[in-house]
């Protein structure tokens, strides 16, 4: 039996489970309603509507995002605020010395990854550039605790704003590479990203409810490991799940894939930091 047939069999066995945890649920945080489903962007050929991963979660998990006090991710966001205000490195500077108001980062998450000086850069790249070039500090590990918390804080400033990365001009070749990776089968299970997140979203496989794999809520808090999870960390986990050798976090491959997947979230609200299984 092929894995796809197995997945479909799991769906048939769970016929009592609707395609979404609560298709009519509304995500409203601090009085602001998030866009959790939107018309698919023109470059998506096989999907008519894009759905936030929040739509696929159980009502109990969905509820954790409705109030920042209940959202466990904010423990880490608060830690990042302390890091933001703390001087580090040979220059004796903190983030606040150059960026007095963290709210000034509003909109940054919506446009990343982006091309700068011919190179595709992520939020993590920008943070580490500031640390090494301006603060004289050591770079943080790509998906380490400090970096995960800081990128969650910075992405949070864009919450409620629509995802809208650039995919043309200088970004086009990176986007094309990311698309190629998204549809390429790899690993012992001979699967691609699209097999789960395009062909079978809404299906129950084992105990997991497959989403479209949108990253508008990343960095995200996962109940599974009780910490902030990054986009590249999730990519790495997915590749391991299909028994493939994952690319390195921060690699050109994962950055290109991040750009392509971010473009699939076009029109959805930034939810960072979201809560997922």
Protein backbone atom coordinates (compact mmCIF):
# COMPACT_ATOMS: atom_id res chain seq x y z
CA UNK A 1 0.00 0.00 0.00
CA UNK A 2 1.36 3.44 -0.88
CA UNK A 3 1.63 6.10 1.80
CA UNK A 4 -0.95 8.21 -0.01
CA UNK A 5 -3.38 5.31 0.00
CA UNK A 6 -2.69 4.84 3.70
CA UNK A 7 -3.38 8.51 4.34
CA UNK A 8 -6.65 8.36 2.47
CA UNK A 9 -7.55 5.22 4.38
CA UNK A 10 -6.96 7.07 7.62
CA UNK A 11 -9.28 9.79 6.42
CA UNK A 12 -11.99 7.28 5.60
CA UNK A 13 -11.62 5.74 9.03
CA UNK A 14 -12.12 9.16 10.58
CA UNK A 15 -15.20 10.14 8.61
CA UNK A 16 -16.75 11.61 11.72
CA UNK A 17 -13.98 14.20 11.71
CA UNK A 18 -14.78 17.21 9.57
CA UNK A 19 -12.18 18.63 7.22
CA UNK A 20 -11.43 21.43 9.64
CA UNK A 21 -11.49 21.64 13.41
CA UNK A 22 -13.99 24.50 13.18
CA UNK A 23 -14.34 25.98 9.71
CA UNK A 24 -16.52 28.82 10.97
CA UNK A 25 -14.33 29.78 13.92
CA UNK A 26 -13.08 33.35 14.03
CA UNK A 27 -9.61 34.20 15.28
CA UNK A 28 -9.89 37.50 17.10
CA UNK A 29 -6.98 38.55 19.30
CA UNK A 30 -7.05 41.62 21.52
CA UNK A 31 -10.08 42.83 19.55
CA UNK A 32 -8.41 42.39 16.15
CA UNK A 33 -9.82 39.82 13.75
CA UNK A 34 -7.23 37.82 11.82
CA UNK A 35 -7.69 36.66 8.24
CA UNK A 36 -7.44 32.87 8.48
CA UNK A 37 -8.65 32.04 4.97
CA UNK A 38 -8.23 33.92 1.72
CA UNK A 39 -8.34 33.44 -2.02
CA UNK A 40 -5.20 31.64 -3.15
CA UNK A 41 -2.62 33.87 -4.87
CA UNK A 42 -2.45 33.60 -8.65
CA UNK A 43 0.79 31.62 -8.60
CA UNK A 44 -0.85 28.72 -6.74
CA UNK A 45 -2.18 26.45 -9.47
CA UNK A 46 -3.75 23.62 -7.48
CA UNK A 47 -5.47 25.37 -4.56
CA UNK A 48 -8.34 27.87 -4.64
CA UNK A 49 -8.30 28.95 -0.98
CA UNK A 50 -5.46 29.28 1.52
CA UNK A 51 -6.08 28.46 5.18
CA UNK A 52 -4.09 29.32 8.25
CA UNK A 53 -2.87 26.37 10.27
CA UNK A 54 -5.05 27.70 13.10
CA UNK A 55 -8.12 26.57 11.15
CA UNK A 56 -7.04 22.92 11.43
CA UNK A 57 -6.45 22.84 15.16
CA UNK A 58 -8.85 21.57 17.82
CA UNK A 59 -11.07 24.12 19.57
CA UNK A 60 -8.92 23.75 22.70
CA UNK A 61 -5.74 24.60 20.83
CA UNK A 62 -7.46 27.39 18.90
CA UNK A 63 -8.58 28.95 22.18
CA UNK A 64 -4.99 29.37 23.38
CA UNK A 65 -4.44 31.98 20.70
CA UNK A 66 -7.51 34.07 21.52
CA UNK A 67 -5.92 35.76 24.53
CA UNK A 68 -2.25 36.73 24.84
CA UNK A 69 -2.42 35.94 28.56
CA UNK A 70 -3.29 32.32 27.77
CA UNK A 71 -0.87 32.01 24.86
CA UNK A 72 2.18 30.12 26.23
CA UNK A 73 4.41 31.68 23.55
CA UNK A 74 4.41 34.99 25.39
CA UNK A 75 6.67 33.63 28.11
CA UNK A 76 9.36 33.54 25.42
CA UNK A 77 8.33 36.89 23.92
CA UNK A 78 8.84 38.45 27.36
CA UNK A 79 12.28 36.83 27.54
CA UNK A 80 13.09 38.35 24.16
CA UNK A 81 12.11 41.81 25.42
CA UNK A 82 14.75 41.45 28.13
CA UNK A 83 17.33 40.41 25.52
CA UNK A 84 16.26 43.37 23.38
CA UNK A 85 17.10 45.77 26.20
CA UNK A 86 20.34 44.07 27.30
CA UNK A 87 23.72 45.25 26.01
CA UNK A 88 25.91 42.56 24.49
CA UNK A 89 29.16 42.37 22.56
CA UNK A 90 32.28 44.51 22.31
CA UNK A 91 30.32 47.61 21.26
CA UNK A 92 28.37 47.53 24.51
CA UNK A 93 25.09 48.02 22.66
CA UNK A 94 21.65 46.56 22.95
CA UNK A 95 19.02 46.26 20.21
CA UNK A 96 17.24 49.18 21.85
CA UNK A 97 20.20 51.48 21.32
CA UNK A 98 19.53 51.48 17.56
CA UNK A 99 15.84 50.53 17.56
CA UNK A 100 14.31 52.37 20.49
CA UNK A 101 10.77 51.16 19.78
CA UNK A 102 10.33 47.48 18.95
CA UNK A 103 6.98 48.35 17.38
CA UNK A 104 8.94 49.96 14.54
CA UNK A 105 9.46 46.43 13.18
CA UNK A 106 5.79 46.28 12.17
CA UNK A 107 5.58 44.98 8.62
CA UNK A 108 8.96 43.25 8.60
CA UNK A 109 7.56 39.73 8.94
CA UNK A 110 5.16 40.25 6.03
CA UNK A 111 7.99 40.81 3.53
CA UNK A 112 10.50 38.15 4.55
CA UNK A 113 12.50 36.43 3.18
CA UNK A 114 13.69 39.16 0.81
CA UNK A 115 16.68 39.85 -1.42
CA UNK A 116 19.39 42.21 -0.21
CA UNK A 117 22.57 42.77 -2.25
CA UNK A 118 21.77 39.73 -4.36
CA UNK A 119 21.34 37.42 -1.37
CA UNK A 120 18.13 35.99 0.06
CA UNK A 121 17.91 36.91 3.73
CA UNK A 122 15.61 35.86 6.54
CA UNK A 123 14.74 37.56 9.81
CA UNK A 124 17.35 35.38 11.50
CA UNK A 125 20.00 36.65 9.10
CA UNK A 126 19.05 40.24 9.89
CA UNK A 127 19.23 39.66 13.65
CA UNK A 128 22.64 38.01 13.43
CA UNK A 129 23.93 40.73 11.12
CA UNK A 130 23.06 43.30 13.76
CA UNK A 131 24.70 41.21 16.45
CA UNK A 132 27.98 40.63 14.60
CA UNK A 133 28.32 43.86 12.61
CA UNK A 134 26.88 46.45 14.99
CA UNK A 135 27.07 44.97 18.47
CA UNK A 136 30.31 43.01 18.16
CA UNK A 137 28.47 40.03 19.63
CA UNK A 138 28.50 36.35 18.77
CA UNK A 139 25.79 35.17 16.36
CA UNK A 140 22.97 33.15 17.84
CA UNK A 141 22.24 29.60 16.70
CA UNK A 142 19.70 29.62 13.85
CA UNK A 143 16.89 27.95 15.81
CA UNK A 144 18.36 28.34 19.29
CA UNK A 145 16.29 29.54 22.19
CA UNK A 146 17.48 33.15 22.09
CA UNK A 147 16.99 33.49 18.34
CA UNK A 148 13.60 31.76 18.39
CA UNK A 149 12.39 34.11 21.10
CA UNK A 150 13.77 37.23 19.40
CA UNK A 151 12.28 36.41 15.99
CA UNK A 152 8.95 35.70 17.71
CA UNK A 153 9.09 39.15 19.31
CA UNK A 154 9.94 40.87 16.04
CA UNK A 155 7.38 38.92 14.01
CA UNK A 156 4.74 39.72 16.63
CA UNK A 157 5.00 43.41 15.72
CA UNK A 158 3.37 42.54 12.35
CA UNK A 159 0.45 40.60 13.81
CA UNK A 160 -2.75 41.26 11.88
CA UNK A 161 -0.91 42.48 8.77
CA UNK A 162 -1.20 40.44 5.55
CA UNK A 163 1.65 38.30 4.27
CA UNK A 164 2.99 39.70 1.02
CA UNK A 165 6.52 38.61 0.08
CA UNK A 166 8.08 39.69 -3.21
CA UNK A 167 8.55 36.84 -5.71
CA UNK A 168 9.50 38.73 -8.86
CA UNK A 169 12.60 40.65 -9.96
CA UNK A 170 15.69 39.63 -8.00
CA UNK A 171 13.59 37.27 -5.88
CA UNK A 172 12.33 35.22 -8.84
CA UNK A 173 15.19 32.69 -9.09
CA UNK A 174 15.08 32.04 -5.35
CA UNK A 175 11.31 31.58 -5.51
CA UNK A 176 11.62 29.16 -8.43
CA UNK A 177 14.18 27.14 -6.48
CA UNK A 178 11.86 27.04 -3.49
CA UNK A 179 8.98 25.88 -5.67
CA UNK A 180 11.13 23.12 -7.13
CA UNK A 181 12.03 21.93 -3.63
CA UNK A 182 8.36 22.05 -2.55
CA UNK A 183 7.32 19.63 -5.28
CA UNK A 184 10.38 17.34 -5.31
CA UNK A 185 9.95 13.90 -3.76
CA UNK A 186 12.73 12.94 -1.36
CA UNK A 187 13.53 10.45 1.35
CA UNK A 188 12.73 6.80 1.93
CA UNK A 189 9.00 7.59 1.81
CA UNK A 190 9.43 9.34 -1.56
CA UNK A 191 7.33 12.36 -0.58
CA UNK A 192 7.32 16.07 -1.24
CA UNK A 193 5.91 18.97 0.78
CA UNK A 194 2.97 19.10 -1.61
CA UNK A 195 1.95 15.48 -0.94
CA UNK A 196 0.82 16.41 2.57
CA UNK A 197 0.13 20.13 2.45
CA UNK A 198 -1.47 20.42 -0.98
CA UNK A 199 -2.83 17.00 -1.91
CA UNK A 200 -4.04 15.86 1.51
CA UNK A 201 -4.61 18.85 3.79
CA UNK A 202 -7.59 18.29 6.06
CA UNK A 203 -6.82 14.58 6.29
CA UNK A 204 -6.23 12.87 9.62
CA UNK A 205 -3.03 10.80 9.56
CA UNK A 206 -2.29 9.05 12.82
CA UNK A 207 -3.07 11.71 15.43
CA UNK A 208 -2.20 14.67 13.21
CA UNK A 209 -4.61 16.84 11.28
CA UNK A 210 -2.73 17.91 8.14
CA UNK A 211 -2.79 21.62 7.41
CA UNK A 212 -1.66 23.50 4.32
CA UNK A 213 1.68 24.11 6.00
CA UNK A 214 1.30 27.89 6.00
CA UNK A 215 3.95 29.83 7.93
CA UNK A 216 2.06 33.06 8.65
CA UNK A 217 2.02 32.06 12.33
CA UNK A 218 5.73 31.29 12.65
CA UNK A 219 7.65 31.41 14.87
CA UNK A 220 5.06 29.29 16.66
CA UNK A 221 4.66 27.64 20.04
CA UNK A 222 4.15 23.88 19.66
CA UNK A 223 2.38 21.98 22.40
CA UNK A 224 4.36 18.92 21.30
CA UNK A 225 7.68 20.28 22.56
CA UNK A 226 6.58 23.24 24.71
CA UNK A 227 8.80 25.81 23.06
CA UNK A 228 9.01 28.31 20.21
CA UNK A 229 9.61 26.60 16.87
CA UNK A 230 11.12 28.27 13.82
CA UNK A 231 10.25 27.80 10.17
CA UNK A 232 13.52 26.07 9.34
CA UNK A 233 13.21 23.91 12.43
CA UNK A 234 9.80 22.77 11.18
CA UNK A 235 11.18 22.14 7.68
CA UNK A 236 13.90 20.01 9.24
CA UNK A 237 11.35 18.05 11.25
CA UNK A 238 9.20 17.40 8.19
CA UNK A 239 12.15 16.07 6.23
CA UNK A 240 13.06 13.75 9.07
CA UNK A 241 9.45 12.52 9.19
CA UNK A 242 9.70 11.34 5.59
CA UNK A 243 13.11 9.82 6.31
CA UNK A 244 15.04 12.30 4.21
CA UNK A 245 18.33 13.94 5.09
CA UNK A 246 17.35 17.51 5.96
CA UNK A 247 19.14 20.58 4.69
CA UNK A 248 20.94 22.69 7.25
CA UNK A 249 18.90 25.40 8.97
CA UNK A 250 19.82 28.68 7.31
CA UNK A 251 20.94 26.89 4.14
CA UNK A 252 20.21 28.36 0.70
CA UNK A 253 17.76 25.50 0.15
CA UNK A 254 15.71 26.17 3.27
CA UNK A 255 15.76 29.93 2.67
CA UNK A 256 14.44 29.42 -0.87
CA UNK A 257 11.80 27.02 0.43
CA UNK A 258 10.81 29.56 3.10
CA UNK A 259 10.30 32.22 0.42
CA UNK A 260 8.12 29.92 -1.67
CA UNK A 261 6.03 28.73 1.29
CA UNK A 262 5.67 32.33 2.55
CA UNK A 263 4.31 33.29 -0.87
CA UNK A 264 1.62 30.63 -0.46
CA UNK A 265 0.47 32.51 2.67
CA UNK A 266 -0.24 35.70 0.72
CA UNK A 267 -3.31 37.44 2.14
CA UNK A 268 -3.33 35.58 5.46
CA UNK A 269 -2.73 37.61 8.59
CA UNK A 270 0.52 37.30 10.48
CA UNK A 271 -0.37 35.49 13.71
CA UNK A 272 3.06 35.29 15.32
CA UNK A 273 3.46 33.87 17.81
CA UNK A 274 0.78 31.30 17.07
CA UNK A 275 0.00 28.05 18.89
CA UNK A 276 0.07 24.72 17.09
CA UNK A 277 0.04 21.04 18.08
